[in-house]
Every structure is written in C-alpha cells, then in structure tokens.
C-alpha cells in the first residue's frame, strides 16, 4: 500500500509514490476545480519520469 496524505496517495513532484516503480496522479493523488487539466499535466510529468527511469 502506498503512503497516504490524508485520503489521497502521497506523491512527489513527478508523481512517484512510496512504492518503487509506482506513480499516481489525477483524483487519487490531487484534486481541485481544474482536475482534468491537472490530471493530464500529472500524467505527462509521470510519463517523462518513467521514461527517464526506464532508459536511464
């Protein structure tokens, strides 16, 4: 189970959770009035970080 921040999954600036190799974003990690825009941006940031992890 990843570390929680209240009722949300705790993530760093790139969406990494406390579990190795697991990222999160969107309404499970954040929330607000601009949820769709935020979720898309968080997905982009997580994908860029995942790419860096996978290819070095």
PDB file of N, CA and C in Angstrom:
ATOM      1  N   UNK A   1       0.853  -1.176   0.000  1.00  0.00           N
ATOM      2  CA  UNK A   1       0.000   0.000   0.000  1.00  0.00           C
ATOM      3  C   UNK A   1       0.896   1.236   0.000  1.00  0.00           C
ATOM      4  N   UNK A   2       0.646   2.185  -0.890  1.00  0.00           N
ATOM      5  CA  UNK A   2       1.466   3.399  -0.897  1.00  0.00           C
ATOM      6  C   UNK A   2       1.153   4.287   0.307  1.00  0.00           C
ATOM      7  N   UNK A   3       2.096   5.134   0.630  1.00  0.00           N
ATOM      8  CA  UNK A   3       1.903   6.090   1.713  1.00  0.00           C
ATOM      9  C   UNK A   3       0.787   7.060   1.321  1.00  0.00           C
ATOM     10  N   UNK A   4      -0.046   7.409   2.285  1.00  0.00           N
ATOM     11  CA  UNK A   4      -1.168   8.313   2.029  1.00  0.00           C
ATOM     12  C   UNK A   4      -0.916   9.693   2.619  1.00  0.00           C
ATOM     13  N   UNK A   5      -1.571  10.672   2.032  1.00  0.00           N
ATOM     14  CA  UNK A   5      -1.593  12.047   2.531  1.00  0.00           C
ATOM     15  C   UNK A   5      -3.066  12.373   2.737  1.00  0.00           C
ATOM     16  N   UNK A   6      -3.549  12.103   3.933  1.00  0.00           N
ATOM     17  CA  UNK A   6      -4.998  12.181   4.163  1.00  0.00           C
ATOM     18  C   UNK A   6      -5.662  11.010   3.457  1.00  0.00           C
ATOM     19  N   UNK A   7      -6.595  11.311   2.548  1.00  0.00           N
ATOM     20  CA  UNK A   7      -7.282  10.259   1.792  1.00  0.00           C
ATOM     21  C   UNK A   7      -6.736  10.120   0.373  1.00  0.00           C
ATOM     22  N   UNK A   8      -5.633  10.782   0.086  1.00  0.00           N
ATOM     23  CA  UNK A   8      -5.012  10.750  -1.238  1.00  0.00           C
ATOM     24  C   UNK A   8      -3.687   9.999  -1.170  1.00  0.00           C
ATOM     25  N   UNK A   9      -3.230   9.514  -2.323  1.00  0.00           N
ATOM     26  CA  UNK A   9      -1.926   8.864  -2.397  1.00  0.00           C
ATOM     27  C   UNK A   9      -0.853   9.951  -2.393  1.00  0.00           C
ATOM     28  N   UNK A  10       0.120   9.810  -1.510  1.00  0.00           N
ATOM     29  CA  UNK A  10       1.204  10.788  -1.419  1.00  0.00           C
ATOM     30  C   UNK A  10       2.169  10.578  -2.585  1.00  0.00           C
ATOM     31  N   UNK A  11       2.439  11.672  -3.319  1.00  0.00           N
ATOM     32  CA  UNK A  11       3.352  11.619  -4.457  1.00  0.00           C
ATOM     33  C   UNK A  11       4.339  12.762  -4.377  1.00  0.00           C
ATOM     34  N   UNK A  12       5.476  12.598  -5.102  1.00  0.00           N
ATOM     35  CA  UNK A  12       6.424  13.702  -5.203  1.00  0.00           C
ATOM     36  C   UNK A  12       6.061  14.541  -6.433  1.00  0.00           C
ATOM     37  N   UNK A  13       6.930  15.432  -6.845  1.00  0.00           N
ATOM     38  CA  UNK A  13       6.650  16.330  -7.953  1.00  0.00           C
ATOM     39  C   UNK A  13       6.491  15.657  -9.303  1.00  0.00           C
ATOM     40  N   UNK A  14       6.974  14.423  -9.437  1.00  0.00           N
ATOM     41  CA  UNK A  14       6.834  13.694 -10.695  1.00  0.00           C
ATOM     42  C   UNK A  14       5.774  12.607 -10.621  1.00  0.00           C
ATOM     43  N   UNK A  15       5.070  12.527  -9.492  1.00  0.00           N
ATOM     44  CA  UNK A  15       4.017  11.522  -9.343  1.00  0.00           C
ATOM     45  C   UNK A  15       4.472  10.208  -8.751  1.00  0.00           C
ATOM     46  N   UNK A  16       5.744  10.120  -8.349  1.00  0.00           N
ATOM     47  CA  UNK A  16       6.220   8.875  -7.734  1.00  0.00           C
ATOM     48  C   UNK A  16       5.576   8.690  -6.365  1.00  0.00           C
ATOM     49  N   UNK A  17       5.193   7.463  -6.101  1.00  0.00           N
ATOM     50  CA  UNK A  17       4.647   7.118  -4.789  1.00  0.00           C
ATOM     51  C   UNK A  17       5.758   6.526  -3.927  1.00  0.00           C
ATOM     52  N   UNK A  18       5.410   6.103  -2.740  1.00  0.00           N
ATOM     53  CA  UNK A  18       6.389   5.479  -1.846  1.00  0.00           C
ATOM     54  C   UNK A  18       6.736   4.057  -2.286  1.00  0.00           C
ATOM     55  N   UNK A  19       6.017   3.510  -3.261  1.00  0.00           N
ATOM     56  CA  UNK A  19       6.306   2.176  -3.776  1.00  0.00           C
ATOM     57  C   UNK A  19       7.220   2.286  -4.994  1.00  0.00           C
ATOM     58  N   UNK A  20       8.269   1.503  -5.018  1.00  0.00           N
ATOM     59  CA  UNK A  20       9.216   1.529  -6.123  1.00  0.00           C
ATOM     60  C   UNK A  20       8.520   1.152  -7.432  1.00  0.00           C
ATOM     61  N   UNK A  21       8.661   2.006  -8.452  1.00  0.00           N
ATOM     62  CA  UNK A  21       8.092   1.726  -9.758  1.00  0.00           C
ATOM     63  C   UNK A  21       6.617   2.029  -9.893  1.00  0.00           C
ATOM     64  N   UNK A  22       6.052   2.779  -8.942  1.00  0.00           N
ATOM     65  CA  UNK A  22       4.623   3.101  -8.989  1.00  0.00           C
ATOM     66  C   UNK A  22       4.440   4.613  -8.943  1.00  0.00           C
ATOM     67  N   UNK A  23       3.687   5.137  -9.913  1.00  0.00           N
ATOM     68  CA  UNK A  23       3.365   6.553  -9.993  1.00  0.00           C
ATOM     69  C   UNK A  23       1.856   6.698  -9.853  1.00  0.00           C
ATOM     70  N   UNK A  24       1.410   7.878  -9.445  1.00  0.00           N
ATOM     71  CA  UNK A  24      -0.030   8.143  -9.330  1.00  0.00           C
ATOM     72  C   UNK A  24      -0.296   9.588  -9.707  1.00  0.00           C
ATOM     73  N   UNK A  25      -1.508   9.867 -10.108  1.00  0.00           N
ATOM     74  CA  UNK A  25      -1.906  11.228 -10.442  1.00  0.00           C
ATOM     75  C   UNK A  25      -3.410  11.317 -10.540  1.00  0.00           C
ATOM     76  N   UNK A  26      -3.890  12.491 -10.876  1.00  0.00           N
ATOM     77  CA  UNK A  26      -5.329  12.691 -11.007  1.00  0.00           C
ATOM     78  C   UNK A  26      -6.021  12.737  -9.661  1.00  0.00           C
ATOM     79  N   UNK A  27      -7.282  12.307  -9.645  1.00  0.00           N
ATOM     80  CA  UNK A  27      -8.082  12.461  -8.435  1.00  0.00           C
ATOM     81  C   UNK A  27      -7.651  11.563  -7.283  1.00  0.00           C
ATOM     82  N   UNK A  28      -6.827  10.536  -7.531  1.00  0.00           N
ATOM     83  CA  UNK A  28      -6.359   9.701  -6.416  1.00  0.00           C
ATOM     84  C   UNK A  28      -5.168  10.337  -5.701  1.00  0.00           C
ATOM     85  N   UNK A  29      -4.539  11.343  -6.356  1.00  0.00           N
ATOM     86  CA  UNK A  29      -3.368  11.980  -5.753  1.00  0.00           C
ATOM     87  C   UNK A  29      -3.553  13.469  -5.510  1.00  0.00           C
ATOM     88  N   UNK A  30      -4.489  14.072  -6.193  1.00  0.00           N
ATOM     89  CA  UNK A  30      -4.730  15.509  -6.014  1.00  0.00           C
ATOM     90  C   UNK A  30      -6.201  15.786  -6.297  1.00  0.00           C
ATOM     91  N   UNK A  31      -6.558  17.018  -6.278  1.00  0.00           N
ATOM     92  CA  UNK A  31      -7.939  17.374  -6.568  1.00  0.00           C
ATOM     93  C   UNK A  31      -8.081  18.871  -6.649  1.00  0.00           C
ATOM     94  N   UNK A  32      -9.196  19.317  -7.145  1.00  0.00           N
ATOM     95  CA  UNK A  32      -9.429  20.740  -7.260  1.00  0.00           C
ATOM     96  C   UNK A  32     -10.386  21.052  -8.395  1.00  0.00           C
ATOM     97  N   UNK A  33     -10.579  22.325  -8.652  1.00  0.00           N
ATOM     98  CA  UNK A  33     -11.522  22.752  -9.672  1.00  0.00           C
ATOM     99  C   UNK A  33     -11.064  22.400 -11.080  1.00  0.00           C
ATOM    100  N   UNK A  34      -9.763  22.347 -11.312  1.00  0.00           N
ATOM    101  CA  UNK A  34      -9.229  22.073 -12.647  1.00  0.00           C
ATOM    102  C   UNK A  34      -8.700  20.644 -12.744  1.00  0.00           C
ATOM    103  N   UNK A  35      -9.448  19.678 -12.213  1.00  0.00           N
ATOM    104  CA  UNK A  35      -8.969  18.305 -12.079  1.00  0.00           C
ATOM    105  C   UNK A  35      -8.524  17.711 -13.414  1.00  0.00           C
ATOM    106  N   UNK A  36      -9.262  17.938 -14.496  1.00  0.00           N
ATOM    107  CA  UNK A  36      -8.887  17.347 -15.777  1.00  0.00           C
ATOM    108  C   UNK A  36      -7.549  17.885 -16.255  1.00  0.00           C
ATOM    109  N   UNK A  37      -7.378  19.184 -16.196  1.00  0.00           N
ATOM    110  CA  UNK A  37      -6.122  19.797 -16.622  1.00  0.00           C
ATOM    111  C   UNK A  37      -4.979  19.315 -15.738  1.00  0.00           C
ATOM    112  N   UNK A  38      -5.211  19.259 -14.452  1.00  0.00           N
ATOM    113  CA  UNK A  38      -4.189  18.794 -13.508  1.00  0.00           C
ATOM    114  C   UNK A  38      -3.825  17.338 -13.779  1.00  0.00           C
ATOM    115  N   UNK A  39      -4.817  16.489 -13.997  1.00  0.00           N
ATOM    116  CA  UNK A  39      -4.558  15.064 -14.236  1.00  0.00           C
ATOM    117  C   UNK A  39      -3.738  14.861 -15.501  1.00  0.00           C
ATOM    118  N   UNK A  40      -4.040  15.605 -16.554  1.00  0.00           N
ATOM    119  CA  UNK A  40      -3.277  15.488 -17.804  1.00  0.00           C
ATOM    120  C   UNK A  40      -1.825  15.915 -17.577  1.00  0.00           C
ATOM    121  N   UNK A  41      -1.631  17.022 -16.887  1.00  0.00           N
ATOM    122  CA  UNK A  41      -0.273  17.509 -16.613  1.00  0.00           C
ATOM    123  C   UNK A  41       0.486  16.519 -15.730  1.00  0.00           C
ATOM    124  N   UNK A  42      -0.187  15.960 -14.731  1.00  0.00           N
ATOM    125  CA  UNK A  42       0.470  14.986 -13.857  1.00  0.00           C
ATOM    126  C   UNK A  42       0.830  13.722 -14.630  1.00  0.00           C
ATOM    127  N   UNK A  43      -0.024  13.311 -15.556  1.00  0.00           N
ATOM    128  CA  UNK A  43       0.273  12.153 -16.397  1.00  0.00           C
ATOM    129  C   UNK A  43       1.493  12.393 -17.266  1.00  0.00           C
ATOM    130  N   UNK A  44       1.583  13.593 -17.835  1.00  0.00           N
ATOM    131  CA  UNK A  44       2.744  13.961 -18.654  1.00  0.00           C
ATOM    132  C   UNK A  44       4.016  13.922 -17.815  1.00  0.00           C
ATOM    133  N   UNK A  45       3.968  14.535 -16.628  1.00  0.00           N
ATOM    134  CA  UNK A  45       5.147  14.571 -15.759  1.00  0.00           C
ATOM    135  C   UNK A  45       5.571  13.169 -15.340  1.00  0.00           C
ATOM    136  N   UNK A  46       4.594  12.320 -15.002  1.00  0.00           N
ATOM    137  CA  UNK A  46       4.905  10.949 -14.599  1.00  0.00           C
ATOM    138  C   UNK A  46       5.497  10.170 -15.772  1.00  0.00           C
ATOM    139  N   UNK A  47       4.944  10.345 -16.972  1.00  0.00           N
ATOM    140  CA  UNK A  47       5.456   9.639 -18.139  1.00  0.00           C
ATOM    141  C   UNK A  47       6.897  10.035 -18.442  1.00  0.00           C
ATOM    142  N   UNK A  48       7.203  11.313 -18.305  1.00  0.00           N
ATOM    143  CA  UNK A  48       8.575  11.768 -18.534  1.00  0.00           C
ATOM    144  C   UNK A  48       9.520  11.152 -17.510  1.00  0.00           C
ATOM    145  N   UNK A  49       9.083  11.066 -16.252  1.00  0.00           N
ATOM    146  CA  UNK A  49       9.912  10.462 -15.210  1.00  0.00           C
ATOM    147  C   UNK A  49      10.069   8.966 -15.441  1.00  0.00           C
ATOM    148  N   UNK A  50       8.987   8.285 -15.825  1.00  0.00           N
ATOM    149  CA  UNK A  50       9.050   6.850 -16.117  1.00  0.00           C
ATOM    150  C   UNK A  50      10.041   6.589 -17.251  1.00  0.00           C
ATOM    151  N   UNK A  51       9.999   7.392 -18.281  1.00  0.00           N
ATOM    152  CA  UNK A  51      10.912   7.255 -19.396  1.00  0.00           C
ATOM    153  C   UNK A  51      12.366   7.366 -18.913  1.00  0.00           C
ATOM    154  N   UNK A  52      12.612   8.356 -18.071  1.00  0.00           N
ATOM    155  CA  UNK A  52      13.954   8.529 -17.524  1.00  0.00           C
ATOM    156  C   UNK A  52      14.407   7.328 -16.712  1.00  0.00           C
ATOM    157  N   UNK A  53      13.493   6.753 -15.954  1.00  0.00           N
ATOM    158  CA  UNK A  53      13.827   5.582 -15.137  1.00  0.00           C
ATOM    159  C   UNK A  53      14.118   4.377 -16.034  1.00  0.00           C
ATOM    160  N   UNK A  54      13.326   4.203 -17.070  1.00  0.00           N
ATOM    161  CA  UNK A  54      13.464   3.027 -17.917  1.00  0.00           C
ATOM    162  C   UNK A  54      14.661   3.065 -18.857  1.00  0.00           C
ATOM    163  N   UNK A  55      14.983   4.263 -19.375  1.00  0.00           N
ATOM    164  CA  UNK A  55      16.091   4.340 -20.325  1.00  0.00           C
ATOM    165  C   UNK A  55      17.363   4.905 -19.731  1.00  0.00           C
ATOM    166  N   UNK A  56      17.247   5.381 -18.488  1.00  0.00           N
ATOM    167  CA  UNK A  56      18.445   5.847 -17.790  1.00  0.00           C
ATOM    168  C   UNK A  56      18.802   7.237 -17.977  1.00  0.00           C
TER     169      UNK A  56
END
